[in-house]
Protein backbone atom coordinates (compact mmCIF):
# COMPACT_ATOMS: atom_id res chain seq x y z
CA UNK A 1 12.05 -11.79 12.37
CA UNK A 2 13.09 -12.50 9.15
CA UNK A 3 14.01 -8.63 8.18
CA UNK A 4 15.89 -5.90 9.74
CA UNK A 5 14.25 -2.92 8.22
CA UNK A 6 16.91 -0.60 10.08
CA UNK A 7 19.45 -1.63 7.66
CA UNK A 8 19.92 0.93 4.46
CA UNK A 9 19.31 -1.48 1.83
CA UNK A 10 15.79 -3.08 1.14
CA UNK A 11 14.82 -6.25 2.48
CA UNK A 12 15.52 -8.89 -0.11
CA UNK A 13 12.19 -10.51 -2.01
CA UNK A 14 12.10 -13.94 -1.29
CA UNK A 15 11.93 -16.47 -3.93
CA UNK A 16 8.78 -16.40 -5.90
CA UNK A 17 7.13 -20.02 -5.69
CA UNK A 18 4.42 -22.31 -5.91
CA UNK A 19 1.54 -19.75 -6.12
CA UNK A 20 3.19 -16.73 -6.94
CA UNK A 21 3.11 -17.64 -11.03
CA UNK A 22 0.92 -14.61 -11.73
CA UNK A 23 3.46 -12.43 -10.10
CA UNK A 24 6.21 -14.02 -11.80
CA UNK A 25 4.22 -13.75 -15.23
CA UNK A 26 3.82 -9.94 -14.90
CA UNK A 27 7.53 -9.70 -13.62
CA UNK A 28 8.55 -11.25 -17.18
CA UNK A 29 7.44 -7.77 -18.69
CA UNK A 30 9.43 -5.54 -16.29
CA UNK A 31 12.98 -4.83 -16.14
CA UNK A 32 15.12 -6.67 -13.51
CA UNK A 33 15.46 -3.49 -11.88
CA UNK A 34 11.96 -2.75 -11.08
CA UNK A 35 11.24 -6.53 -10.00
CA UNK A 36 11.06 -5.57 -6.22
CA UNK A 37 9.79 -1.97 -6.30
CA UNK A 38 6.73 -3.12 -8.78
CA UNK A 39 5.85 -6.35 -6.77
CA UNK A 40 3.65 -4.14 -4.00
CA UNK A 41 1.98 -2.08 -7.02
CA UNK A 42 0.16 -4.98 -8.25
CA UNK A 43 -1.91 -5.73 -5.51
CA UNK A 44 -4.35 -2.48 -5.65
CA UNK A 45 -4.80 -3.12 -9.43
CA UNK A 46 -5.64 -6.85 -9.01
CA UNK A 47 -8.01 -5.78 -5.87
CA UNK A 48 -10.12 -3.56 -8.20
CA UNK A 49 -11.22 -6.47 -10.17
CA UNK A 50 -13.09 -8.31 -7.27
CA UNK A 51 -16.28 -7.39 -6.38
CA UNK A 52 -19.23 -8.88 -4.50
CA UNK A 53 -16.34 -10.57 -1.91
CA UNK A 54 -15.35 -10.27 1.60
CA UNK A 55 -12.51 -11.91 3.87
CA UNK A 56 -12.57 -12.50 7.48
CA UNK A 57 -9.49 -10.50 9.07
CA UNK A 58 -8.37 -12.02 12.31
CA UNK A 59 -10.17 -9.52 14.69
CA UNK A 60 -13.46 -11.46 12.74
CA UNK A 61 -13.99 -8.06 10.68
CA UNK A 62 -15.06 -8.72 7.24
CA UNK A 63 -13.18 -6.54 4.55
CA UNK A 64 -13.63 -6.11 0.49
CA UNK A 65 -10.13 -6.03 -1.44
CA UNK A 66 -10.87 -2.26 -2.34
CA UNK A 67 -9.38 0.84 -0.78
CA UNK A 68 -5.95 -0.48 -1.46
CA UNK A 69 -3.73 1.97 -2.22
CA UNK A 70 0.32 1.94 -3.14
CA UNK A 71 2.72 4.70 -3.57
CA UNK A 72 5.76 3.72 -5.92
CA UNK A 73 8.88 6.12 -4.86
CA UNK A 74 11.94 6.03 -7.32
CA UNK A 75 14.11 8.92 -8.51
CA UNK A 76 13.49 10.66 -11.63
CA UNK A 77 14.24 8.47 -14.98
CA UNK A 78 14.62 5.48 -12.73
CA UNK A 79 11.61 3.66 -14.81
CA UNK A 80 8.50 4.26 -12.68
CA UNK A 81 6.60 4.13 -16.19
CA UNK A 82 6.86 0.75 -16.43
CA UNK A 83 4.04 0.62 -13.58
CA UNK A 84 1.65 2.39 -16.03
CA UNK A 85 2.58 -0.03 -18.90
CA UNK A 86 1.63 -2.91 -16.41
CA UNK A 87 -1.40 -1.41 -15.00
CA UNK A 88 -2.93 -0.86 -18.65
CA UNK A 89 -2.16 -4.49 -19.39
CA UNK A 90 -3.78 -5.81 -16.27
CA UNK A 91 -6.87 -3.38 -17.02
CA UNK A 92 -7.61 -4.07 -20.57
CA UNK A 93 -10.95 -5.38 -19.75
CA UNK A 94 -11.55 -2.08 -17.88
CA UNK A 95 -10.57 -0.11 -20.82
CA UNK A 96 -13.06 -2.50 -22.88
CA UNK A 97 -15.78 -1.73 -20.89
CA UNK A 98 -15.16 1.81 -20.27
CA UNK A 99 -14.89 2.21 -24.06
CA UNK A 100 -18.69 1.13 -24.40
CA UNK A 101 -19.87 3.27 -21.63
CA UNK A 102 -18.12 6.45 -23.23
CA UNK A 103 -20.31 5.39 -26.47
CA UNK A 104 -23.26 5.35 -24.35
CA UNK A 105 -22.45 8.95 -22.92
CA UNK A 106 -21.30 10.36 -26.36
CA UNK A 107 -24.60 9.18 -28.26
CA UNK A 108 -26.74 10.87 -25.15
CA UNK A 109 -24.60 14.19 -25.67
CA UNK A 110 -25.69 13.82 -29.55
CA UNK A 111 -29.01 13.44 -28.79
CA UNK A 112 -29.22 16.36 -26.18
CA UNK A 113 -27.51 18.86 -28.32
CA UNK A 114 -29.82 17.99 -31.01
CA UNK A 115 -32.51 18.79 -29.03
CA UNK A 116 -34.05 22.52 -29.47
CA UNK A 117 -33.87 24.72 -26.44
CA UNK A 118 -37.87 24.29 -25.70
CA UNK A 119 -38.10 20.94 -26.17
CA UNK A 120 -37.90 17.74 -23.32
CA UNK A 121 -34.06 16.61 -22.84
CA UNK A 122 -33.38 13.32 -22.92
CA UNK A 123 -32.54 11.60 -19.15
CA UNK A 124 -28.66 11.29 -18.69
CA UNK A 125 -27.34 7.72 -18.63
CA UNK A 126 -25.79 6.66 -15.56
CA UNK A 127 -22.01 5.71 -16.81
CA UNK A 128 -19.58 4.03 -14.46
CA UNK A 129 -15.84 4.17 -15.42
CA UNK A 130 -13.73 1.23 -14.14
CA UNK A 131 -10.51 2.95 -15.36
CA UNK A 132 -11.13 6.48 -15.08
CA UNK A 133 -8.39 8.86 -16.50
CA UNK A 134 -5.60 10.17 -14.18
CA UNK A 135 -7.09 13.82 -14.72
CA UNK A 136 -10.17 13.19 -13.08
CA UNK A 137 -12.19 15.98 -10.76
CA UNK A 138 -13.16 15.19 -7.42
CA UNK A 139 -17.08 15.53 -8.48
CA UNK A 140 -16.38 13.35 -11.29
CA UNK A 141 -15.39 10.89 -8.74
CA UNK A 142 -18.04 11.12 -6.38
CA UNK A 143 -20.41 10.90 -9.60
CA UNK A 144 -18.71 7.97 -10.68
CA UNK A 145 -18.74 6.13 -7.26
CA UNK A 146 -22.56 6.53 -7.40
CA UNK A 147 -22.91 4.99 -10.76
CA UNK A 148 -20.71 2.13 -9.84
CA UNK A 149 -22.57 1.71 -6.47
CA UNK A 150 -25.76 1.66 -8.62
CA UNK A 151 -24.38 -0.96 -10.76
CA UNK A 152 -23.51 -3.45 -7.99
CA UNK A 153 -20.49 -2.11 -5.97
CA UNK A 154 -17.55 -2.02 -8.17
CA UNK A 155 -14.34 -0.41 -7.80
CA UNK A 156 -12.69 2.10 -9.50
CA UNK A 157 -9.06 1.93 -10.42
CA UNK A 158 -6.96 5.16 -10.84
CA UNK A 159 -3.10 5.40 -11.69
CA UNK A 160 -1.65 8.81 -10.98
CA UNK A 161 1.72 9.03 -12.69
CA UNK A 162 2.53 11.88 -10.61
CA UNK A 163 1.83 12.14 -7.00
CA UNK A 164 0.35 15.98 -7.38
CA UNK A 165 -2.51 14.37 -9.43
CA UNK A 166 -3.82 13.52 -5.97
CA UNK A 167 -5.00 17.15 -5.53
CA UNK A 168 -7.00 17.39 -8.25
CA UNK A 169 -8.93 13.98 -7.49
CA UNK A 170 -9.28 14.82 -3.85
CA UNK A 171 -10.21 18.93 -4.80
CA UNK A 172 -7.68 20.53 -3.23
CA UNK A 173 -4.46 19.37 -1.12
CA UNK A 174 -6.22 20.18 1.91
CA UNK A 175 -8.65 17.48 1.35
CA UNK A 176 -6.07 14.62 0.15
CA UNK A 177 -6.38 13.40 3.86
CA UNK A 178 -10.04 12.85 3.92
CA UNK A 179 -10.47 11.30 0.83
CA UNK A 180 -7.63 8.82 0.87
CA UNK A 181 -8.78 7.63 4.59
CA UNK A 182 -12.41 7.31 3.06
CA UNK A 183 -10.96 5.03 0.52
CA UNK A 184 -8.97 3.12 2.68
CA UNK A 185 -11.94 2.38 4.82
CA UNK A 186 -14.65 1.96 2.38
CA UNK A 187 -16.58 4.73 4.18
CA UNK A 188 -19.40 7.12 2.79
CA UNK A 189 -18.05 10.16 1.37
CA UNK A 190 -20.88 12.29 -0.34
CA UNK A 191 -22.01 15.75 -0.76
CA UNK A 192 -25.17 18.12 -0.72
CA UNK A 193 -25.23 20.69 -3.41
CA UNK A 194 -27.92 23.62 -3.61
CA UNK A 195 -28.49 23.45 -7.24
CA UNK A 196 -29.14 20.73 -9.56
CA UNK A 197 -26.05 21.64 -11.59
CA UNK A 198 -23.98 20.47 -8.45
CA UNK A 199 -23.31 16.82 -7.47
CA UNK A 200 -25.50 15.38 -4.74
CA UNK A 201 -25.13 11.90 -3.15
CA UNK A 202 -23.60 9.51 -0.60
CA UNK A 203 -22.41 6.65 -2.05
CA UNK A 204 -19.79 4.03 -0.46
CA UNK A 205 -16.26 4.62 -1.95
CA UNK A 206 -14.82 1.80 -3.50
CA UNK A 207 -11.78 2.61 -5.21
CA UNK A 208 -7.87 1.43 -5.66
CA UNK A 209 -5.19 3.75 -6.29
CA UNK A 210 -1.45 3.41 -7.42
CA UNK A 211 0.73 6.40 -7.53
CA UNK A 212 4.49 6.96 -8.93
CA UNK A 213 6.32 10.00 -7.57
CA UNK A 214 10.09 10.96 -6.77
CA UNK A 215 11.53 10.97 -3.33
CA UNK A 216 11.44 14.93 -2.77
CA UNK A 217 7.95 15.61 -4.23
CA UNK A 218 6.40 12.36 -2.54
CA UNK A 219 8.12 13.95 0.86
CA UNK A 220 6.68 17.21 0.45
CA UNK A 221 3.23 16.14 -0.57
CA UNK A 222 2.90 13.91 2.81
CA UNK A 223 4.74 16.07 4.87
CA UNK A 224 1.14 17.33 6.80
CA UNK A 225 -0.24 13.53 6.65
CA UNK A 226 2.40 11.68 8.43
CA UNK A 227 0.37 11.24 11.85
CA UNK A 228 -3.27 11.58 11.12
CA UNK A 229 -3.65 7.97 9.90
CA UNK A 230 -3.19 8.49 5.98
CA UNK A 231 0.18 8.08 5.71
CA UNK A 232 -0.10 4.40 7.69
CA UNK A 233 -3.01 3.51 5.16
CA UNK A 234 -0.68 4.08 1.96
CA UNK A 235 1.66 1.40 1.04
CA UNK A 236 5.10 2.60 -0.21
CA UNK A 237 7.33 0.73 -2.21
CA UNK A 238 10.85 2.59 -2.59
CA UNK A 239 13.51 2.01 -4.96
CA UNK A 240 16.88 3.45 -3.82
CA UNK A 241 18.68 5.11 -6.37
CA UNK A 242 20.88 2.60 -8.27
CA UNK A 243 24.23 2.56 -9.88
CA UNK A 244 25.02 4.54 -13.07
CA UNK A 245 24.83 2.08 -15.99
CA UNK A 246 25.42 2.62 -19.62
CA UNK A 247 22.77 0.09 -20.43
CA UNK A 248 19.22 0.98 -21.13
CA UNK A 249 16.96 -1.66 -19.12
CA UNK A 250 15.02 -4.03 -21.34
CA UNK A 251 11.14 -4.69 -20.79
CA UNK A 252 9.05 -7.32 -22.03
CA UNK A 253 7.42 -7.10 -25.68
CA UNK A 254 3.74 -7.99 -24.37
CA UNK A 255 3.19 -11.17 -26.48
CA UNK A 256 -0.12 -12.49 -27.11
CA UNK A 257 0.95 -15.23 -25.01
CA UNK A 258 1.58 -13.31 -22.24
CA UNK A 259 -1.92 -11.67 -22.87
CA UNK A 260 -3.69 -14.79 -22.90
CA UNK A 261 -2.10 -16.24 -19.50
CA UNK A 262 -2.90 -13.11 -17.81
CA UNK A 263 -6.66 -13.35 -18.80
CA UNK A 264 -6.94 -16.45 -17.27
CA UNK A 265 -5.69 -14.89 -13.68
CA UNK A 266 -7.98 -12.08 -14.17
CA UNK A 267 -10.94 -14.33 -14.67
CA UNK A 268 -10.44 -16.00 -11.23
CA UNK A 269 -10.64 -12.51 -9.59
CA UNK A 270 -13.77 -11.42 -11.87
CA UNK A 271 -15.64 -14.91 -10.73
CA UNK A 272 -15.08 -14.82 -7.26
CA UNK A 273 -17.81 -14.13 -5.17
CA UNK A 274 -18.85 -14.56 -1.56
CA UNK A 275 -17.41 -14.67 2.16
CA UNK A 276 -14.30 -16.62 2.72
CA UNK A 277 -11.58 -17.26 5.71
CA UNK A 278 -7.87 -18.01 4.89
CA UNK A 279 -7.07 -19.56 8.22
CA UNK A 280 -3.21 -19.92 7.06
CA UNK A 281 -3.08 -16.29 5.99
CA UNK A 282 -4.99 -15.41 9.30
CA UNK A 283 -2.15 -17.15 11.41
CA UNK A 284 0.49 -15.76 9.48
CA UNK A 285 -0.75 -11.93 10.27
CA UNK A 286 -1.06 -12.91 13.77
CA UNK A 287 2.36 -14.05 13.90
CA UNK A 288 3.39 -10.88 12.25
CA UNK A 289 1.51 -8.52 14.49
CA UNK A 290 3.83 -9.87 17.32
CA UNK A 291 6.87 -9.55 15.43
CA UNK A 292 5.96 -5.78 14.67
CA UNK A 293 5.39 -5.60 18.54
CA UNK A 294 8.78 -7.02 19.22
CA UNK A 295 10.37 -4.70 16.71
CA UNK A 296 8.66 -1.48 18.30
CA UNK A 297 9.78 -2.77 21.83
CA UNK A 298 13.58 -2.85 20.52
CA UNK A 299 13.51 0.48 19.09
CA UNK A 300 11.10 1.81 21.68
CA UNK A 301 9.20 3.55 19.04
CA UNK A 302 5.38 3.88 19.12
CA UNK A 303 4.92 5.70 15.98
CA UNK A 304 6.76 2.41 14.33
CA UNK A 305 3.96 0.18 16.07
CA UNK A 306 1.27 2.51 15.33
CA UNK A 307 2.31 2.18 11.38
CA UNK A 308 2.53 -1.41 11.48
CA UNK A 309 -0.99 -1.65 12.21
CA UNK A 310 -1.90 -0.97 8.75
CA UNK A 311 1.03 -2.53 6.77
CA UNK A 312 -0.52 -5.87 8.50
CA UNK A 313 -3.78 -4.94 6.68
CA UNK A 314 -2.47 -4.09 3.58
CA UNK A 315 -0.27 -7.02 3.32
CA UNK A 316 -3.29 -9.52 4.38
CA UNK A 317 -5.49 -8.17 1.50
CA UNK A 318 -2.36 -9.06 -1.08
CA UNK A 319 -2.51 -12.32 0.44
CA UNK A 320 -6.16 -12.79 -0.07
CA UNK A 321 -5.77 -11.38 -3.50
CA UNK A 322 -2.71 -14.19 -4.22
CA UNK A 323 -5.04 -17.21 -2.87
CA UNK A 324 -7.56 -16.04 -5.21
CA UNK A 325 -5.43 -15.73 -8.09
CA UNK A 326 -3.77 -19.47 -7.27
CA UNK A 327 -7.27 -21.26 -7.79
CA UNK A 328 -8.05 -20.67 -3.83
CA UNK A 329 -5.26 -22.36 -2.71
CA UNK A 330 -2.90 -21.44 -0.04
CA UNK A 331 0.75 -21.95 -0.18
CA UNK A 332 4.04 -21.58 1.75
CA UNK A 333 5.64 -19.02 -0.69
CA UNK A 334 2.70 -16.51 -0.83
CA UNK A 335 3.23 -16.49 2.70
CA UNK A 336 6.85 -16.02 2.22
CA UNK A 337 5.92 -13.14 -0.29
CA UNK A 338 3.04 -11.30 2.20
CA UNK A 339 5.69 -11.57 5.00
CA UNK A 340 8.04 -9.52 2.73
CA UNK A 341 5.51 -7.09 1.72
CA UNK A 342 4.95 -6.01 5.08
CA UNK A 343 8.32 -5.51 6.07
CA UNK A 344 9.35 -3.80 2.78
CA UNK A 345 6.40 -1.32 3.37
CA UNK A 346 7.62 -0.32 6.58
CA UNK A 347 11.15 -0.07 5.37
CA UNK A 348 10.27 2.19 2.28
CA UNK A 349 8.36 4.57 4.82
CA UNK A 350 11.45 4.33 6.83
CA UNK A 351 13.73 4.89 4.10
CA UNK A 352 11.96 8.24 2.66
CA UNK A 353 10.69 9.56 5.81
CA UNK A 354 12.35 8.43 8.85
CA UNK A 355 13.63 12.03 9.68
CA UNK A 356 10.43 13.34 9.27
CA UNK A 357 8.42 11.45 11.47
CA UNK A 358 7.43 14.26 14.30
CA UNK A 359 9.61 16.79 12.72
CA UNK A 360 9.13 19.86 10.29
CA UNK A 361 11.67 19.48 7.79
CA UNK A 362 12.17 17.64 4.71
CA UNK A 363 15.50 18.89 3.56
CA UNK A 364 17.38 15.65 4.92
CA UNK A 365 19.67 14.16 2.52
CA UNK A 366 18.97 10.54 1.24
CA UNK A 367 21.87 9.04 2.88
CA UNK A 368 21.25 11.04 6.50
CA UNK A 369 17.78 9.49 6.94
CA UNK A 370 17.83 6.20 9.08
CA UNK A 371 15.09 3.98 10.08
CA UNK A 372 14.11 2.24 13.42
CA UNK A 373 17.29 1.27 15.36
CA UNK A 374 17.13 -1.93 17.16
CA UNK A 375 19.01 -0.75 20.73
CA UNK A 376 19.41 -4.34 21.98
CA UNK A 377 21.81 -5.23 18.99
CA UNK A 378 23.81 -2.06 19.85
CA UNK A 379 24.45 -3.07 23.17
CA UNK A 380 27.05 -5.75 24.34
CA UNK A 381 25.89 -9.24 25.54
CA UNK A 382 26.21 -8.18 29.28
CA UNK A 383 25.39 -4.29 30.10
CA UNK A 384 23.97 -2.22 32.82
CA UNK A 385 21.35 0.44 33.12
CA UNK A 386 23.47 3.36 32.37
CA UNK A 387 24.78 2.19 29.03
CA UNK A 388 20.96 1.93 27.84
CA UNK A 389 20.23 5.46 29.14
CA UNK A 390 23.44 6.44 27.43
CA UNK A 391 22.20 5.08 24.21
CA UNK A 392 19.00 6.40 24.64
CA UNK A 393 20.16 9.78 25.33
CA UNK A 394 22.21 9.52 22.00
CA UNK A 395 19.38 8.49 20.05
CA UNK A 396 17.57 11.72 21.48
CA UNK A 397 15.00 9.47 23.47
CA UNK A 398 14.14 10.37 27.16
CA UNK A 399 16.16 8.45 30.00
CA UNK A 400 12.92 7.83 31.94
CA UNK A 401 12.15 5.55 29.34
CA UNK A 402 15.08 3.45 30.15
CA UNK A 403 13.21 1.54 32.90
CA UNK A 404 10.10 0.79 30.99
CA UNK A 405 11.90 -0.43 28.27
CA UNK A 406 14.23 -3.04 30.36
CA UNK A 407 10.63 -4.24 32.03
CA UNK A 408 9.65 -4.85 28.12
CA UNK A 409 12.89 -6.62 27.20
CA UNK A 410 12.57 -9.14 30.29
CA UNK A 411 8.92 -9.53 29.90
CA UNK A 412 9.89 -10.98 26.03
CA UNK A 413 12.36 -12.97 27.54
CA UNK A 414 15.46 -11.17 25.51
CA UNK A 415 17.37 -10.27 28.53
CA UNK A 416 17.74 -11.34 32.07
CA UNK A 417 18.96 -9.47 35.35
CA UNK A 418 21.47 -10.23 37.89
CA UNK A 419 20.41 -8.64 41.16
CA UNK A 420 24.01 -9.14 42.74
CA UNK A 421 25.94 -7.65 39.64
CA UNK A 422 23.09 -5.35 38.63
CA UNK A 423 23.94 -6.26 35.15
CA UNK A 424 21.68 -7.77 32.34
CA UNK A 425 22.45 -10.37 29.78
CA UNK A 426 21.11 -11.18 26.13
CA UNK A 427 19.41 -14.53 26.26
CA UNK A 428 20.31 -17.31 24.03
CA UNK A 429 16.94 -17.37 22.71
CA UNK A 430 17.54 -13.75 21.83
CA UNK A 431 20.96 -14.13 20.26
CA UNK A 432 20.02 -17.48 18.27
CA UNK A 433 16.81 -16.04 17.01
């Protein structure tokens, strides 16, 4: 495993090499302190630009690059607003499309209002917005999903500058879990109303969402969503509190040259249609799945293993998008970035929520939170069962899990056992790995 997510500092992003030029282009407009936190946030925006396209996951299922969701978590005044600026830059084509749709709707509204009360009203046009405003209600969300499905299955993209805005989009906070899971799963999420004034329909939900929030509001918002699948479906990108510096971070100037280069990449997303299998990417995801199992065994953490499943899918979708952006050519640097995205997502989840997983409190300070601990690294190279049992007790894990954990470590060839001395020894493969 290349990254250790138990450390308090974020995994360092690899150098952006061949095949990641689009990511570097976007980062040229962001302040340096926001480079790593912003990278995971780009992919839901890109994913919304692809339609009529499916990729085969390693389990042989076909998935669209829709349903991608990411939450940027940073402290107040820590440059989260740069995400909105970059999102608007990427979605200039969406904005232009929506302006035409708005004109169509306003013309209908003007014509309808000009008719007398007893005269036939013109039929309302089917208006579909690709980049709806953040202040969108649940009925409007559903109505827009119906229009976009009728227009060929486009994806609507939402950028929510505050996490609480998701409550309105979902109808209320108690409905957040259901809607976000339907978005991720590309499921049908319709409504049946008794009167013609209500919105009735059952479209396939195609949406991508980015959210920005501070740590406290994030913890409160997801407090009751940590074990029902919603939490795992959301990619998190956490920016730690930085040093107090008396210098205002510099952003880019968004020149015409920047927009011209960006438009070329957006065009590649727009024209990509059909079904594809990216074998190098699927091989990488298979290896990362094994790494996630290893990580969970070292920490003896079932929840960590469960969370990793969707982190792998999200990283894989990001890889599919990079492949399209790079003219459908896979590179080593793209694989390195996908691997980092998976670990960065897992680290961010643990950095923000580790103390809340399975608990009811969200008042623990940032410095008190700890991610999963590699227990084997905490033991000497040669140890006995009692030492592991004591370590598990200190970490509030059951004594009964000591034997099964030792057997898992031996199965994975992390340790060997000497029956005469009753001691366990770390293998050279583990120590050198």
